N, C-alpha and C. Protein backbone atom coordinates (compact mmCIF):
# COMPACT_ATOMS: atom_id res chain seq x y z
N UNK A 1 -0.29 -8.43 -24.46
CA UNK A 1 -1.51 -8.79 -23.85
C UNK A 1 -2.50 -7.48 -24.18
N UNK A 2 -4.03 -8.11 -24.33
CA UNK A 2 -4.91 -7.09 -25.15
C UNK A 2 -5.11 -6.17 -23.73
N UNK A 3 -5.46 -4.83 -23.85
CA UNK A 3 -5.55 -4.15 -22.87
C UNK A 3 -6.93 -4.47 -21.99
N UNK A 4 -7.83 -5.13 -22.42
CA UNK A 4 -8.80 -5.43 -21.48
C UNK A 4 -8.35 -6.48 -20.32
N UNK A 5 -7.53 -7.71 -21.11
CA UNK A 5 -7.02 -8.47 -20.33
C UNK A 5 -6.07 -7.84 -19.22
N UNK A 6 -5.26 -7.13 -19.55
CA UNK A 6 -4.20 -6.01 -18.24
C UNK A 6 -5.07 -5.65 -17.86
N UNK A 7 -5.99 -5.20 -17.76
CA UNK A 7 -7.30 -4.67 -16.99
C UNK A 7 -7.82 -5.57 -16.04
N UNK A 8 -7.97 -6.64 -16.60
CA UNK A 8 -8.80 -7.83 -15.56
C UNK A 8 -7.59 -8.32 -14.79
N UNK A 9 -6.49 -8.25 -15.42
CA UNK A 9 -5.53 -8.97 -14.49
C UNK A 9 -4.84 -8.15 -13.30
N UNK A 10 -5.16 -6.67 -13.73
CA UNK A 10 -4.41 -5.55 -12.76
C UNK A 10 -5.65 -5.31 -11.70
N UNK A 11 -6.75 -5.23 -12.04
CA UNK A 11 -7.54 -4.65 -11.23
C UNK A 11 -8.71 -5.78 -10.50
N UNK A 12 -9.60 -5.25 -9.58
CA UNK A 12 -10.28 -5.95 -8.75
C UNK A 12 -11.50 -5.13 -9.11
N UNK A 13 -12.60 -5.58 -9.07
CA UNK A 13 -14.00 -4.90 -9.32
C UNK A 13 -14.53 -4.95 -7.98
N UNK A 14 -14.75 -3.77 -7.73
CA UNK A 14 -15.59 -3.25 -6.56
C UNK A 14 -17.08 -3.40 -6.52
N UNK A 15 -18.26 -3.37 -5.43
CA UNK A 15 -19.45 -3.33 -5.47
C UNK A 15 -19.97 -2.30 -6.43
N UNK A 16 -19.21 -1.22 -6.59
CA UNK A 16 -20.26 -0.27 -7.66
C UNK A 16 -19.87 -0.47 -9.28
N UNK A 17 -19.07 -1.71 -9.28
CA UNK A 17 -18.85 -1.88 -10.75
C UNK A 17 -17.77 -1.38 -11.08
N UNK A 18 -16.94 -0.57 -10.55
CA UNK A 18 -15.84 0.18 -10.99
C UNK A 18 -14.42 -0.65 -10.92
N UNK A 19 -13.54 -0.46 -11.70
CA UNK A 19 -12.47 -1.48 -11.80
C UNK A 19 -11.64 -0.32 -10.79
N UNK A 20 -10.71 -1.21 -9.96
CA UNK A 20 -9.49 -0.33 -9.30
C UNK A 20 -8.11 -1.32 -9.12
N UNK A 21 -7.16 -0.41 -9.10
CA UNK A 21 -5.96 -1.11 -9.33
C UNK A 21 -5.50 -1.68 -7.63
N UNK A 22 -4.63 -2.56 -7.63
CA UNK A 22 -4.59 -3.31 -6.14
C UNK A 22 -2.88 -3.75 -6.04
N UNK A 23 -2.37 -3.61 -4.88
CA UNK A 23 -1.60 -4.13 -4.48
C UNK A 23 -1.52 -5.41 -3.59
N UNK A 24 -0.89 -6.80 -3.69
CA UNK A 24 -1.20 -7.75 -3.09
C UNK A 24 0.32 -8.19 -2.53
N UNK A 25 0.44 -8.76 -1.25
CA UNK A 25 1.47 -9.43 -0.91
C UNK A 25 0.87 -10.41 0.44
N UNK A 26 1.56 -11.67 0.16
CA UNK A 26 0.89 -12.68 0.89
C UNK A 26 -0.33 -12.84 1.30
N UNK A 27 -1.15 -12.75 0.24
CA UNK A 27 -2.80 -12.96 0.70
C UNK A 27 -3.27 -11.58 0.83
N UNK A 28 -2.74 -10.48 1.24
CA UNK A 28 -3.59 -9.63 1.53
C UNK A 28 -3.37 -8.46 0.50
N UNK A 29 -4.23 -7.65 0.05
CA UNK A 29 -4.53 -6.99 -1.09
C UNK A 29 -5.16 -5.96 -0.85
N UNK A 30 -4.35 -4.68 -1.22
CA UNK A 30 -4.65 -3.00 -0.96
C UNK A 30 -5.22 -2.57 -2.15
N UNK A 31 -6.36 -1.83 -2.04
CA UNK A 31 -6.78 -1.09 -2.98
C UNK A 31 -6.57 -0.03 -3.34
N UNK A 32 -5.78 0.41 -4.37
CA UNK A 32 -5.41 2.15 -4.66
C UNK A 32 -6.66 2.96 -4.56
N UNK A 33 -6.14 4.22 -4.39
CA UNK A 33 -7.51 5.47 -4.80
C UNK A 33 -8.42 5.21 -3.57
N UNK A 34 -8.44 4.79 -2.51
CA UNK A 34 -9.09 5.10 -1.51
C UNK A 34 -8.75 5.58 0.00
N UNK A 35 -8.13 6.81 -0.47
CA UNK A 35 -7.54 7.43 0.73
C UNK A 35 -5.90 7.67 1.12
N UNK A 36 -5.28 6.38 0.83
CA UNK A 36 -4.22 6.38 0.93
C UNK A 36 -3.53 6.55 -0.40
N UNK A 37 -1.82 7.07 -0.11
CA UNK A 37 -0.93 7.42 -1.20
C UNK A 37 -0.85 5.98 -1.77
N UNK A 38 -0.23 5.79 -2.61
CA UNK A 38 0.26 4.22 -3.26
C UNK A 38 1.33 4.00 -2.39
N UNK A 39 2.47 4.44 -2.20
CA UNK A 39 3.47 3.99 -1.02
C UNK A 39 3.04 3.70 0.18
N UNK A 40 1.89 4.56 0.90
CA UNK A 40 1.33 4.13 2.08
C UNK A 40 0.50 3.17 1.91
N UNK A 41 -0.02 2.78 0.91
CA UNK A 41 -0.67 1.41 0.59
C UNK A 41 0.20 0.41 0.63
N UNK A 42 1.19 0.14 0.17
CA UNK A 42 2.02 -0.58 0.24
C UNK A 42 2.80 -1.01 1.52
N UNK A 43 3.02 0.22 1.87
CA UNK A 43 3.82 -0.21 3.48
C UNK A 43 2.66 -0.73 4.22
N UNK A 44 1.24 -0.30 4.63
CA UNK A 44 0.11 -0.89 5.12
C UNK A 44 0.09 -2.36 4.54
N UNK A 45 0.01 -2.44 3.67
CA UNK A 45 -0.05 -4.14 3.21
C UNK A 45 0.98 -4.88 3.69
N UNK A 46 1.91 -4.57 3.46
CA UNK A 46 3.44 -5.59 3.77
C UNK A 46 3.44 -5.14 5.36
N UNK A 47 2.86 -4.38 6.19
CA UNK A 47 2.89 -4.47 7.59
C UNK A 47 1.97 -5.50 8.36
N UNK A 48 0.68 -5.31 7.28
CA UNK A 48 -0.45 -6.31 7.53
C UNK A 48 0.14 -7.74 7.47
N UNK A 49 1.02 -7.67 6.77
CA UNK A 49 1.80 -9.00 6.56
C UNK A 49 2.82 -9.60 7.50
N UNK A 50 2.64 -8.83 8.70
CA UNK A 50 3.57 -8.95 9.96
C UNK A 50 5.25 -8.64 9.35
N UNK A 51 5.54 -7.94 8.63
CA UNK A 51 6.71 -7.41 8.27
C UNK A 51 7.44 -6.58 9.15
N UNK A 52 8.70 -6.32 9.18
CA UNK A 52 9.32 -5.39 10.12
C UNK A 52 9.85 -4.26 9.20
N UNK A 53 9.81 -3.12 9.80
CA UNK A 53 10.16 -1.81 9.15
C UNK A 53 11.56 -2.31 8.02
N UNK A 54 12.20 -3.27 8.80
CA UNK A 54 13.27 -3.61 7.81
C UNK A 54 12.89 -4.16 6.67
N UNK A 55 12.22 -5.02 7.01
CA UNK A 55 11.96 -6.10 5.71
C UNK A 55 10.83 -5.22 5.04
N UNK A 56 9.99 -4.55 5.18
CA UNK A 56 9.35 -3.59 4.43
C UNK A 56 10.08 -2.97 3.51
N UNK A 57 11.20 -2.35 4.12
CA UNK A 57 12.23 -1.32 3.97
C UNK A 57 12.90 -2.24 2.25
N UNK A 58 13.33 -3.02 2.53
CA UNK A 58 13.86 -4.08 1.57
C UNK A 58 13.12 -4.27 0.14
N UNK A 59 11.80 -4.82 0.53
CA UNK A 59 10.56 -4.96 -0.20
C UNK A 59 10.28 -3.82 -1.49
N UNK A 60 10.32 -2.58 -0.38
CA UNK A 60 10.14 -1.62 -1.17
C UNK A 60 11.18 -0.47 -1.70
N UNK A 61 12.38 -1.12 -1.62
CA UNK A 61 13.60 -0.75 -1.84
C UNK A 61 13.68 0.76 -1.44
N UNK A 62 13.59 1.10 -0.15
CA UNK A 62 13.65 2.43 0.17
C UNK A 62 14.01 2.20 1.78
N UNK A 63 14.52 3.43 2.39
CA UNK A 63 15.13 3.56 3.54
C UNK A 63 14.34 3.05 5.02
N UNK A 64 14.62 2.53 5.73
CA UNK A 64 13.66 2.21 7.11
C UNK A 64 13.06 3.38 7.48
N UNK A 65 13.78 4.49 7.60
CA UNK A 65 12.91 5.41 7.89
C UNK A 65 11.78 6.17 7.17
N UNK A 66 12.28 6.23 5.59
CA UNK A 66 11.04 6.20 5.19
C UNK A 66 9.72 5.18 5.20
N UNK A 67 9.99 3.99 5.36
CA UNK A 67 8.86 3.38 5.90
C UNK A 67 8.28 3.94 7.11
N UNK A 68 8.84 3.91 8.04
CA UNK A 68 8.34 4.95 8.99
C UNK A 68 7.55 5.87 8.62
N UNK A 69 7.98 6.93 8.06
CA UNK A 69 7.26 7.95 7.45
C UNK A 69 6.09 7.61 6.79
N UNK A 70 6.12 6.59 5.72
CA UNK A 70 4.71 6.14 5.22
C UNK A 70 3.81 5.77 5.83
N UNK A 71 4.03 5.01 7.15
CA UNK A 71 3.27 4.46 7.80
C UNK A 71 2.86 5.51 8.98
N UNK A 72 3.55 6.36 9.29
CA UNK A 72 2.95 7.58 10.26
C UNK A 72 2.01 8.19 9.39
N UNK A 73 2.24 8.81 8.05
CA UNK A 73 1.63 9.27 7.16
C UNK A 73 -0.03 8.69 7.05
N UNK A 74 0.25 7.30 6.82
CA UNK A 74 -1.18 6.68 7.02
C UNK A 74 -1.80 6.49 8.21
N UNK A 75 -1.03 6.19 9.23
CA UNK A 75 -1.73 6.07 10.52
C UNK A 75 -2.51 7.76 10.74
N UNK A 76 -1.84 8.76 10.32
CA UNK A 76 -2.57 9.97 10.64
C UNK A 76 -3.82 9.99 9.87
N UNK A 77 -3.67 9.87 8.77
CA UNK A 77 -4.99 9.82 7.66
C UNK A 77 -5.99 8.63 8.23
N UNK A 78 -5.60 7.89 8.58
CA UNK A 78 -6.85 7.05 9.06
C UNK A 78 -7.18 7.23 10.52
N UNK A 79 -6.38 7.89 11.28
CA UNK A 79 -6.55 8.32 12.73
C UNK A 79 -6.22 6.96 13.61
N UNK A 80 -5.11 6.45 13.35
CA UNK A 80 -4.94 5.39 14.17
C UNK A 80 -3.43 5.77 15.19
N UNK A 81 -3.42 5.11 15.98
CA UNK A 81 -2.17 5.29 17.08
C UNK A 81 -1.09 4.81 16.89
N UNK A 82 -1.28 3.20 16.14
CA UNK A 82 -0.33 2.40 16.20
C UNK A 82 -0.56 1.78 14.66
N UNK A 83 0.66 0.96 14.28
CA UNK A 83 0.63 -0.04 13.23
C UNK A 83 -0.59 -0.91 13.13
N UNK A 84 -0.82 -1.59 14.14
CA UNK A 84 -1.96 -2.26 14.41
C UNK A 84 -3.41 -1.83 14.16
N UNK A 85 -3.37 -0.60 14.91
CA UNK A 85 -4.80 -0.01 14.64
C UNK A 85 -4.82 0.60 13.20
N UNK A 86 -3.73 0.97 12.09
CA UNK A 86 -3.71 1.29 11.10
C UNK A 86 -4.23 0.03 10.24
N UNK A 87 -3.63 -1.06 10.40
CA UNK A 87 -4.17 -2.42 9.81
C UNK A 87 -5.81 -2.59 10.09
N UNK A 88 -6.11 -2.28 11.35
CA UNK A 88 -7.38 -2.67 11.78
C UNK A 88 -8.28 -1.72 11.14
N UNK A 89 -8.13 -0.40 11.00
CA UNK A 89 -8.86 0.56 10.44
C UNK A 89 -8.66 0.37 8.73
N UNK A 90 -7.71 0.19 8.35
CA UNK A 90 -7.65 -0.06 6.85
C UNK A 90 -8.77 -1.53 6.27
N UNK A 91 -8.36 -2.56 7.11
CA UNK A 91 -9.60 -3.52 7.02
C UNK A 91 -10.98 -3.18 6.95
N UNK A 92 -11.27 -2.37 8.45
CA UNK A 92 -12.71 -2.08 8.71
C UNK A 92 -13.09 -1.00 7.40
N UNK A 93 -12.56 -0.33 6.80
CA UNK A 93 -12.63 1.01 5.60
C UNK A 93 -12.60 0.14 4.18
N UNK A 94 -12.34 -1.33 4.49
CA UNK A 94 -12.01 -2.08 2.98
C UNK A 94 -10.86 -1.60 1.88
N UNK A 95 -10.10 -0.76 3.02
CA UNK A 95 -8.94 -0.33 1.91
C UNK A 95 -7.75 -1.63 1.57
N UNK A 96 -8.10 -2.30 2.65
CA UNK A 96 -7.28 -3.67 2.44
C UNK A 96 -8.16 -4.92 2.43
N UNK A 97 -7.89 -5.83 2.22
CA UNK A 97 -8.52 -7.24 2.21
C UNK A 97 -7.41 -8.34 3.03
N UNK A 98 -7.95 -9.25 3.68
CA UNK A 98 -6.97 -9.84 4.23
C UNK A 98 -7.88 -11.15 3.90
């Protein structure tokens, strides 16, 4: 695959014209580089898709406790008290698109 084709395949263009890599699951897309670490973003996108911590752990190939840590860290960064609050705030900030 040509590098420019790979870039188009792996990136979405933001309003400022810059390309940003993304992670998608079940029609929900998270944009890397917008305040969450890559693993925090992936856990948040999967949680937005109504997956349990156990299901997220299996999908990410990590322990359920690690999922909880990633979601806790993401909640702290976005000032959310719950996972639902995390998802709402991530959507509001444009970090994830549903």
